N, C-alpha and C. Protein backbone atom coordinates (compact mmCIF):
# COMPACT_ATOMS: atom_id res chain seq x y z
N UNK A 1 28.38 1.10 16.23
CA UNK A 1 27.08 0.97 16.84
C UNK A 1 26.89 -0.45 17.37
N UNK A 2 27.14 -1.43 16.51
CA UNK A 2 26.96 -2.82 16.92
C UNK A 2 27.97 -3.20 17.98
N UNK A 3 29.21 -2.75 17.83
CA UNK A 3 30.24 -3.09 18.80
C UNK A 3 29.89 -2.55 20.18
N UNK A 4 29.30 -1.34 20.23
CA UNK A 4 28.92 -0.75 21.51
C UNK A 4 27.82 -1.57 22.17
N UNK A 5 26.86 -2.04 21.40
CA UNK A 5 25.79 -2.88 21.97
C UNK A 5 26.35 -4.19 22.48
N UNK A 6 27.31 -4.76 21.76
CA UNK A 6 27.92 -6.00 22.22
C UNK A 6 28.71 -5.78 23.50
N UNK A 7 29.37 -4.64 23.62
CA UNK A 7 30.12 -4.34 24.84
C UNK A 7 29.17 -4.21 26.03
N UNK A 8 28.04 -3.53 25.83
CA UNK A 8 27.07 -3.40 26.92
C UNK A 8 26.49 -4.75 27.30
N UNK A 9 26.22 -5.59 26.31
CA UNK A 9 25.71 -6.93 26.58
C UNK A 9 26.74 -7.74 27.36
N UNK A 10 27.98 -7.67 26.94
CA UNK A 10 29.04 -8.40 27.64
C UNK A 10 29.16 -7.94 29.08
N UNK A 11 29.10 -6.64 29.30
CA UNK A 11 29.18 -6.12 30.67
C UNK A 11 28.01 -6.64 31.51
N UNK A 12 26.81 -6.64 30.95
CA UNK A 12 25.64 -7.14 31.67
C UNK A 12 25.79 -8.62 31.98
N UNK A 13 26.28 -9.37 31.03
CA UNK A 13 26.45 -10.80 31.24
C UNK A 13 27.52 -11.10 32.28
N UNK A 14 28.56 -10.28 32.31
CA UNK A 14 29.62 -10.47 33.30
C UNK A 14 29.09 -10.35 34.72
N UNK A 15 28.00 -9.59 34.89
CA UNK A 15 27.42 -9.37 36.21
C UNK A 15 26.53 -10.53 36.65
N UNK A 16 26.27 -11.50 35.79
CA UNK A 16 25.38 -12.62 36.11
C UNK A 16 26.16 -13.93 36.04
N UNK A 17 25.44 -15.02 36.32
CA UNK A 17 26.05 -16.35 36.23
C UNK A 17 26.51 -16.64 34.81
N UNK A 18 25.88 -16.00 33.85
CA UNK A 18 26.28 -16.21 32.46
C UNK A 18 27.69 -15.69 32.19
N UNK A 19 28.16 -14.80 33.06
CA UNK A 19 29.50 -14.25 32.90
C UNK A 19 30.60 -15.29 33.01
N UNK A 20 30.31 -16.41 33.63
CA UNK A 20 31.32 -17.46 33.78
C UNK A 20 31.41 -18.36 32.55
N UNK A 21 30.45 -18.23 31.65
CA UNK A 21 30.51 -19.04 30.42
C UNK A 21 31.59 -18.49 29.50
N UNK A 22 32.24 -19.38 28.79
CA UNK A 22 33.28 -18.96 27.86
C UNK A 22 32.96 -19.52 26.47
N UNK A 23 33.22 -18.69 25.47
CA UNK A 23 32.99 -19.09 24.10
C UNK A 23 34.31 -19.07 23.35
N UNK A 24 34.43 -19.96 22.41
CA UNK A 24 35.63 -19.95 21.58
C UNK A 24 35.58 -18.73 20.66
N UNK A 25 36.73 -18.34 20.15
CA UNK A 25 36.79 -17.22 19.21
C UNK A 25 35.92 -17.50 17.98
N UNK A 26 35.93 -18.75 17.55
CA UNK A 26 35.14 -19.13 16.37
C UNK A 26 33.65 -18.94 16.64
N UNK A 27 33.18 -19.36 17.80
CA UNK A 27 31.77 -19.22 18.15
C UNK A 27 31.40 -17.74 18.29
N UNK A 28 32.27 -16.96 18.91
CA UNK A 28 32.00 -15.54 19.05
C UNK A 28 31.91 -14.86 17.68
N UNK A 29 32.80 -15.22 16.78
CA UNK A 29 32.77 -14.65 15.43
C UNK A 29 31.49 -15.05 14.70
N UNK A 30 31.04 -16.28 14.89
CA UNK A 30 29.79 -16.74 14.27
C UNK A 30 28.61 -15.91 14.77
N UNK A 31 28.56 -15.67 16.07
CA UNK A 31 27.47 -14.87 16.65
C UNK A 31 27.51 -13.44 16.12
N UNK A 32 28.69 -12.85 16.10
CA UNK A 32 28.83 -11.47 15.61
C UNK A 32 28.40 -11.38 14.15
N UNK A 33 28.81 -12.32 13.32
CA UNK A 33 28.42 -12.31 11.91
C UNK A 33 26.92 -12.48 11.75
N UNK A 34 26.31 -13.30 12.57
CA UNK A 34 24.86 -13.50 12.51
C UNK A 34 24.14 -12.20 12.87
N UNK A 35 24.61 -11.51 13.90
CA UNK A 35 23.98 -10.24 14.29
C UNK A 35 24.13 -9.22 13.18
N UNK A 36 25.31 -9.15 12.60
CA UNK A 36 25.52 -8.19 11.50
C UNK A 36 24.64 -8.51 10.30
N UNK A 37 24.45 -9.79 10.02
CA UNK A 37 23.58 -10.18 8.91
C UNK A 37 22.15 -9.73 9.18
N UNK A 38 21.69 -9.88 10.41
CA UNK A 38 20.34 -9.45 10.75
C UNK A 38 20.20 -7.95 10.58
N UNK A 39 21.21 -7.19 10.98
CA UNK A 39 21.19 -5.75 10.80
C UNK A 39 21.02 -5.40 9.32
N UNK A 40 21.79 -6.08 8.45
CA UNK A 40 21.71 -5.84 7.03
C UNK A 40 20.33 -6.14 6.47
N UNK A 41 19.72 -7.21 6.95
CA UNK A 41 18.37 -7.54 6.50
C UNK A 41 17.39 -6.46 6.94
N UNK A 42 17.57 -5.94 8.12
CA UNK A 42 16.68 -4.87 8.57
C UNK A 42 16.88 -3.63 7.71
N UNK A 43 18.11 -3.33 7.31
CA UNK A 43 18.35 -2.20 6.41
C UNK A 43 17.59 -2.39 5.11
N UNK A 44 17.61 -3.60 4.59
CA UNK A 44 16.88 -3.89 3.36
C UNK A 44 15.38 -3.68 3.58
N UNK A 45 14.87 -4.12 4.73
CA UNK A 45 13.45 -3.94 5.02
C UNK A 45 13.08 -2.46 5.11
N UNK A 46 13.95 -1.66 5.73
CA UNK A 46 13.70 -0.22 5.81
C UNK A 46 13.66 0.39 4.42
N UNK A 47 14.60 0.03 3.60
CA UNK A 47 14.65 0.55 2.24
C UNK A 47 13.40 0.15 1.46
N UNK A 48 12.98 -1.09 1.61
CA UNK A 48 11.77 -1.56 0.93
C UNK A 48 10.54 -0.77 1.38
N UNK A 49 10.41 -0.54 2.68
CA UNK A 49 9.26 0.21 3.19
C UNK A 49 9.28 1.65 2.66
N UNK A 50 10.45 2.26 2.61
CA UNK A 50 10.56 3.61 2.06
C UNK A 50 10.07 3.61 0.61
N UNK A 51 10.49 2.64 -0.16
CA UNK A 51 10.03 2.53 -1.55
C UNK A 51 8.51 2.37 -1.60
N UNK A 52 7.96 1.50 -0.78
CA UNK A 52 6.52 1.27 -0.79
C UNK A 52 5.75 2.53 -0.39
N UNK A 53 6.26 3.26 0.57
CA UNK A 53 5.57 4.47 1.02
C UNK A 53 5.65 5.60 0.01
N UNK A 54 6.72 5.61 -0.79
CA UNK A 54 6.89 6.71 -1.73
C UNK A 54 6.32 6.43 -3.11
N UNK A 55 5.45 5.45 -3.20
CA UNK A 55 4.67 5.28 -4.44
C UNK A 55 3.84 6.55 -4.64
N UNK A 56 3.39 7.11 -3.52
CA UNK A 56 2.65 8.37 -3.55
C UNK A 56 3.51 9.46 -2.91
N UNK A 57 3.34 10.66 -3.38
CA UNK A 57 4.12 11.82 -2.94
C UNK A 57 3.96 12.04 -1.43
N UNK A 58 5.11 12.21 -0.75
CA UNK A 58 5.11 12.49 0.69
C UNK A 58 6.27 13.42 1.02
N UNK A 59 6.07 14.22 2.06
CA UNK A 59 7.19 15.01 2.55
C UNK A 59 7.91 14.20 3.62
N UNK A 60 9.08 14.67 4.03
CA UNK A 60 9.89 13.92 4.98
C UNK A 60 9.20 13.71 6.31
N UNK A 61 8.48 14.72 6.79
CA UNK A 61 7.78 14.59 8.08
C UNK A 61 6.72 13.50 8.01
N UNK A 62 5.92 13.53 6.97
CA UNK A 62 4.87 12.52 6.80
C UNK A 62 5.48 11.13 6.63
N UNK A 63 6.58 11.05 5.90
CA UNK A 63 7.26 9.76 5.71
C UNK A 63 7.76 9.22 7.05
N UNK A 64 8.33 10.10 7.90
CA UNK A 64 8.79 9.67 9.21
C UNK A 64 7.63 9.12 10.03
N UNK A 65 6.49 9.78 9.99
CA UNK A 65 5.31 9.31 10.72
C UNK A 65 4.87 7.94 10.21
N UNK A 66 4.85 7.77 8.89
CA UNK A 66 4.43 6.51 8.29
C UNK A 66 5.41 5.38 8.64
N UNK A 67 6.69 5.68 8.69
CA UNK A 67 7.69 4.68 9.09
C UNK A 67 7.46 4.27 10.54
N UNK A 68 7.20 5.24 11.39
CA UNK A 68 6.97 4.96 12.81
C UNK A 68 5.74 4.07 13.00
N UNK A 69 4.69 4.32 12.23
CA UNK A 69 3.48 3.49 12.30
C UNK A 69 3.81 2.04 11.97
N UNK A 70 4.79 1.84 11.09
CA UNK A 70 5.20 0.49 10.69
C UNK A 70 6.29 -0.09 11.60
N UNK A 71 6.57 0.60 12.71
CA UNK A 71 7.53 0.08 13.68
C UNK A 71 8.98 0.43 13.40
N UNK A 72 9.22 1.28 12.43
CA UNK A 72 10.59 1.68 12.09
C UNK A 72 10.87 3.01 12.79
N UNK A 73 11.71 2.95 13.81
CA UNK A 73 11.98 4.13 14.63
C UNK A 73 13.42 4.61 14.51
N UNK A 74 14.18 4.04 13.61
CA UNK A 74 15.61 4.39 13.50
C UNK A 74 15.84 5.86 13.16
N UNK A 75 14.84 6.54 12.62
CA UNK A 75 15.02 7.94 12.25
C UNK A 75 14.46 8.90 13.31
N UNK A 76 13.83 8.37 14.36
CA UNK A 76 13.28 9.22 15.41
C UNK A 76 14.42 9.96 16.10
N UNK A 77 14.30 11.27 16.16
CA UNK A 77 15.34 12.07 16.77
C UNK A 77 16.57 12.24 15.88
N UNK A 78 16.59 11.56 14.75
CA UNK A 78 17.70 11.66 13.80
C UNK A 78 17.15 11.77 12.39
N UNK A 79 16.22 12.69 12.21
CA UNK A 79 15.55 12.83 10.91
C UNK A 79 16.54 13.18 9.80
N UNK A 80 17.66 13.77 10.16
CA UNK A 80 18.67 14.09 9.16
C UNK A 80 19.15 12.86 8.42
N UNK A 81 19.18 11.72 9.11
CA UNK A 81 19.57 10.46 8.46
C UNK A 81 18.57 10.07 7.38
N UNK A 82 17.28 10.32 7.64
CA UNK A 82 16.26 10.02 6.63
C UNK A 82 16.45 10.91 5.42
N UNK A 83 16.69 12.20 5.66
CA UNK A 83 16.87 13.12 4.54
C UNK A 83 18.13 12.79 3.74
N UNK A 84 19.15 12.31 4.42
CA UNK A 84 20.36 11.87 3.72
C UNK A 84 20.04 10.67 2.82
N UNK A 85 19.27 9.72 3.34
CA UNK A 85 18.85 8.57 2.54
C UNK A 85 18.03 9.02 1.33
N UNK A 86 17.07 9.91 1.56
CA UNK A 86 16.24 10.41 0.46
C UNK A 86 17.09 11.12 -0.60
N UNK A 87 18.05 11.90 -0.15
CA UNK A 87 18.93 12.61 -1.08
C UNK A 87 19.74 11.61 -1.92
N UNK A 88 20.27 10.57 -1.26
CA UNK A 88 21.05 9.56 -1.99
C UNK A 88 20.17 8.82 -3.00
N UNK A 89 18.95 8.48 -2.61
CA UNK A 89 18.04 7.80 -3.54
C UNK A 89 17.67 8.71 -4.71
N UNK A 90 17.55 9.98 -4.43
CA UNK A 90 17.26 10.95 -5.49
C UNK A 90 18.45 11.06 -6.44
N UNK A 91 19.66 11.08 -5.91
CA UNK A 91 20.86 11.15 -6.75
C UNK A 91 21.02 9.90 -7.61
N UNK A 92 20.50 8.76 -7.15
CA UNK A 92 20.57 7.52 -7.91
C UNK A 92 19.37 7.38 -8.87
N UNK A 93 18.52 8.42 -8.92
CA UNK A 93 17.34 8.49 -9.81
C UNK A 93 16.23 7.51 -9.44
N UNK A 94 16.19 7.09 -8.18
CA UNK A 94 15.07 6.25 -7.72
C UNK A 94 13.92 7.11 -7.20
N UNK A 95 14.24 8.35 -6.81
CA UNK A 95 13.24 9.29 -6.32
C UNK A 95 13.35 10.59 -7.09
N UNK A 96 12.22 11.28 -7.13
CA UNK A 96 12.23 12.66 -7.60
C UNK A 96 11.66 13.50 -6.47
N UNK A 97 11.93 14.79 -6.52
CA UNK A 97 11.41 15.67 -5.49
C UNK A 97 10.85 16.93 -6.13
N UNK A 98 9.96 17.56 -5.40
CA UNK A 98 9.40 18.83 -5.85
C UNK A 98 9.08 19.67 -4.62
N UNK A 99 9.12 20.99 -4.82
CA UNK A 99 8.81 21.91 -3.74
C UNK A 99 7.40 22.45 -3.93
N UNK A 100 6.64 22.44 -2.83
CA UNK A 100 5.29 23.01 -2.84
C UNK A 100 5.12 23.78 -1.54
N UNK A 101 4.90 25.07 -1.63
CA UNK A 101 4.70 25.92 -0.44
C UNK A 101 5.79 25.71 0.59
N UNK A 102 7.03 25.78 0.17
CA UNK A 102 8.19 25.64 1.05
C UNK A 102 8.33 24.27 1.69
N UNK A 103 7.69 23.26 1.13
CA UNK A 103 7.80 21.89 1.64
C UNK A 103 8.28 21.02 0.48
N UNK A 104 9.29 20.21 0.76
CA UNK A 104 9.84 19.33 -0.26
C UNK A 104 9.13 17.98 -0.20
N UNK A 105 8.65 17.52 -1.34
CA UNK A 105 7.95 16.24 -1.45
C UNK A 105 8.80 15.27 -2.27
N UNK A 106 8.70 14.00 -1.92
CA UNK A 106 9.45 12.94 -2.59
C UNK A 106 8.49 11.92 -3.15
N UNK A 107 8.90 11.29 -4.25
CA UNK A 107 8.09 10.25 -4.87
C UNK A 107 9.00 9.37 -5.71
N UNK A 108 8.62 8.09 -5.83
CA UNK A 108 9.40 7.18 -6.68
C UNK A 108 9.37 7.64 -8.13
N UNK A 109 10.49 7.50 -8.80
CA UNK A 109 10.55 7.72 -10.25
C UNK A 109 10.12 6.43 -10.93
N UNK A 110 10.09 6.44 -12.23
CA UNK A 110 9.75 5.20 -12.96
C UNK A 110 10.81 4.13 -12.68
N UNK A 111 12.07 4.53 -12.50
CA UNK A 111 13.13 3.58 -12.16
C UNK A 111 12.86 2.95 -10.80
N UNK A 112 12.47 3.75 -9.82
CA UNK A 112 12.14 3.22 -8.50
C UNK A 112 10.91 2.33 -8.54
N UNK A 113 9.92 2.73 -9.33
CA UNK A 113 8.70 1.93 -9.45
C UNK A 113 8.99 0.58 -10.10
N UNK A 114 9.88 0.56 -11.09
CA UNK A 114 10.25 -0.71 -11.73
C UNK A 114 10.93 -1.65 -10.73
N UNK A 115 11.83 -1.11 -9.92
CA UNK A 115 12.51 -1.93 -8.92
C UNK A 115 11.50 -2.50 -7.93
N UNK A 116 10.60 -1.68 -7.46
CA UNK A 116 9.58 -2.14 -6.52
C UNK A 116 8.66 -3.17 -7.16
N UNK A 117 8.27 -2.94 -8.40
CA UNK A 117 7.40 -3.90 -9.10
C UNK A 117 8.11 -5.24 -9.29
N UNK A 118 9.39 -5.20 -9.66
CA UNK A 118 10.15 -6.45 -9.80
C UNK A 118 10.18 -7.22 -8.50
N UNK A 119 10.35 -6.51 -7.39
CA UNK A 119 10.34 -7.17 -6.08
C UNK A 119 8.98 -7.79 -5.81
N UNK A 120 7.91 -7.04 -6.06
CA UNK A 120 6.56 -7.50 -5.72
C UNK A 120 6.08 -8.64 -6.62
N UNK A 121 6.61 -8.75 -7.82
CA UNK A 121 6.14 -9.79 -8.74
C UNK A 121 7.06 -11.02 -8.79
N UNK A 122 8.21 -10.94 -8.16
CA UNK A 122 9.15 -12.06 -8.18
C UNK A 122 9.50 -12.45 -6.75
N UNK A 123 8.87 -13.50 -6.22
CA UNK A 123 9.11 -13.90 -4.83
C UNK A 123 10.58 -14.22 -4.56
N UNK A 124 11.02 -13.86 -3.36
CA UNK A 124 12.37 -14.21 -2.93
C UNK A 124 13.48 -13.37 -3.53
N UNK A 125 13.15 -12.20 -4.06
CA UNK A 125 14.19 -11.40 -4.73
C UNK A 125 14.61 -10.17 -3.96
N UNK A 126 14.10 -10.00 -2.75
CA UNK A 126 14.39 -8.77 -2.00
C UNK A 126 15.89 -8.51 -1.90
N UNK A 127 16.62 -9.53 -1.49
CA UNK A 127 18.05 -9.32 -1.27
C UNK A 127 18.78 -9.05 -2.59
N UNK A 128 18.49 -9.83 -3.63
CA UNK A 128 19.23 -9.63 -4.88
C UNK A 128 18.87 -8.31 -5.56
N UNK A 129 17.63 -7.86 -5.44
CA UNK A 129 17.24 -6.61 -6.07
C UNK A 129 17.72 -5.39 -5.29
N UNK A 130 17.63 -5.44 -3.97
CA UNK A 130 17.91 -4.26 -3.17
C UNK A 130 19.33 -4.20 -2.62
N UNK A 131 20.06 -5.32 -2.61
CA UNK A 131 21.40 -5.32 -2.02
C UNK A 131 22.35 -4.33 -2.69
N UNK A 132 22.42 -4.30 -4.03
CA UNK A 132 23.34 -3.32 -4.64
C UNK A 132 22.97 -1.87 -4.28
N UNK A 133 21.69 -1.57 -4.27
CA UNK A 133 21.25 -0.24 -3.90
C UNK A 133 21.55 0.03 -2.43
N UNK A 134 21.32 -0.96 -1.61
CA UNK A 134 21.59 -0.85 -0.17
C UNK A 134 23.04 -0.49 0.08
N UNK A 135 23.94 -1.15 -0.60
CA UNK A 135 25.37 -0.89 -0.42
C UNK A 135 25.74 0.53 -0.84
N UNK A 136 24.99 1.08 -1.77
CA UNK A 136 25.30 2.43 -2.26
C UNK A 136 24.71 3.53 -1.39
N UNK A 137 23.62 3.26 -0.67
CA UNK A 137 22.93 4.36 0.00
C UNK A 137 22.66 4.19 1.49
N UNK A 138 22.71 3.03 2.05
CA UNK A 138 22.11 2.82 3.36
C UNK A 138 22.96 3.25 4.54
N UNK A 139 24.19 3.56 4.40
CA UNK A 139 25.02 3.90 5.56
C UNK A 139 24.57 5.21 6.19
N UNK A 140 23.30 5.21 6.58
CA UNK A 140 22.73 6.39 7.25
C UNK A 140 22.14 5.97 8.57
């Protein structure tokens, strides 16, 4: 995904005066690593928002709407990715689910609530608290 965006950017730049600029391999690697780091931080932010929204019971459709209101559109048109994330979080015991009138609802478990509370009460811990979980579930 990232490589494709970089290729499109490179093609666009080649069409302008910027196309004549040259970067060393080291500088290009630095830029690529910086972009990848930003992507990872955004993944952490998405995971955090999902946790915050699931303090109260929600179904997947309502959760998608709430994410969109917060500017998170990565699941638009790809709702299956959201359900995959929810399933992985449920398998890790951070979420529980229940069926009501043929609709599946999700909510944080006590384990998920503890993780969220630790984040909210300890400044600067987002990355250390959520990174291990992120590595286990976010490739959606």
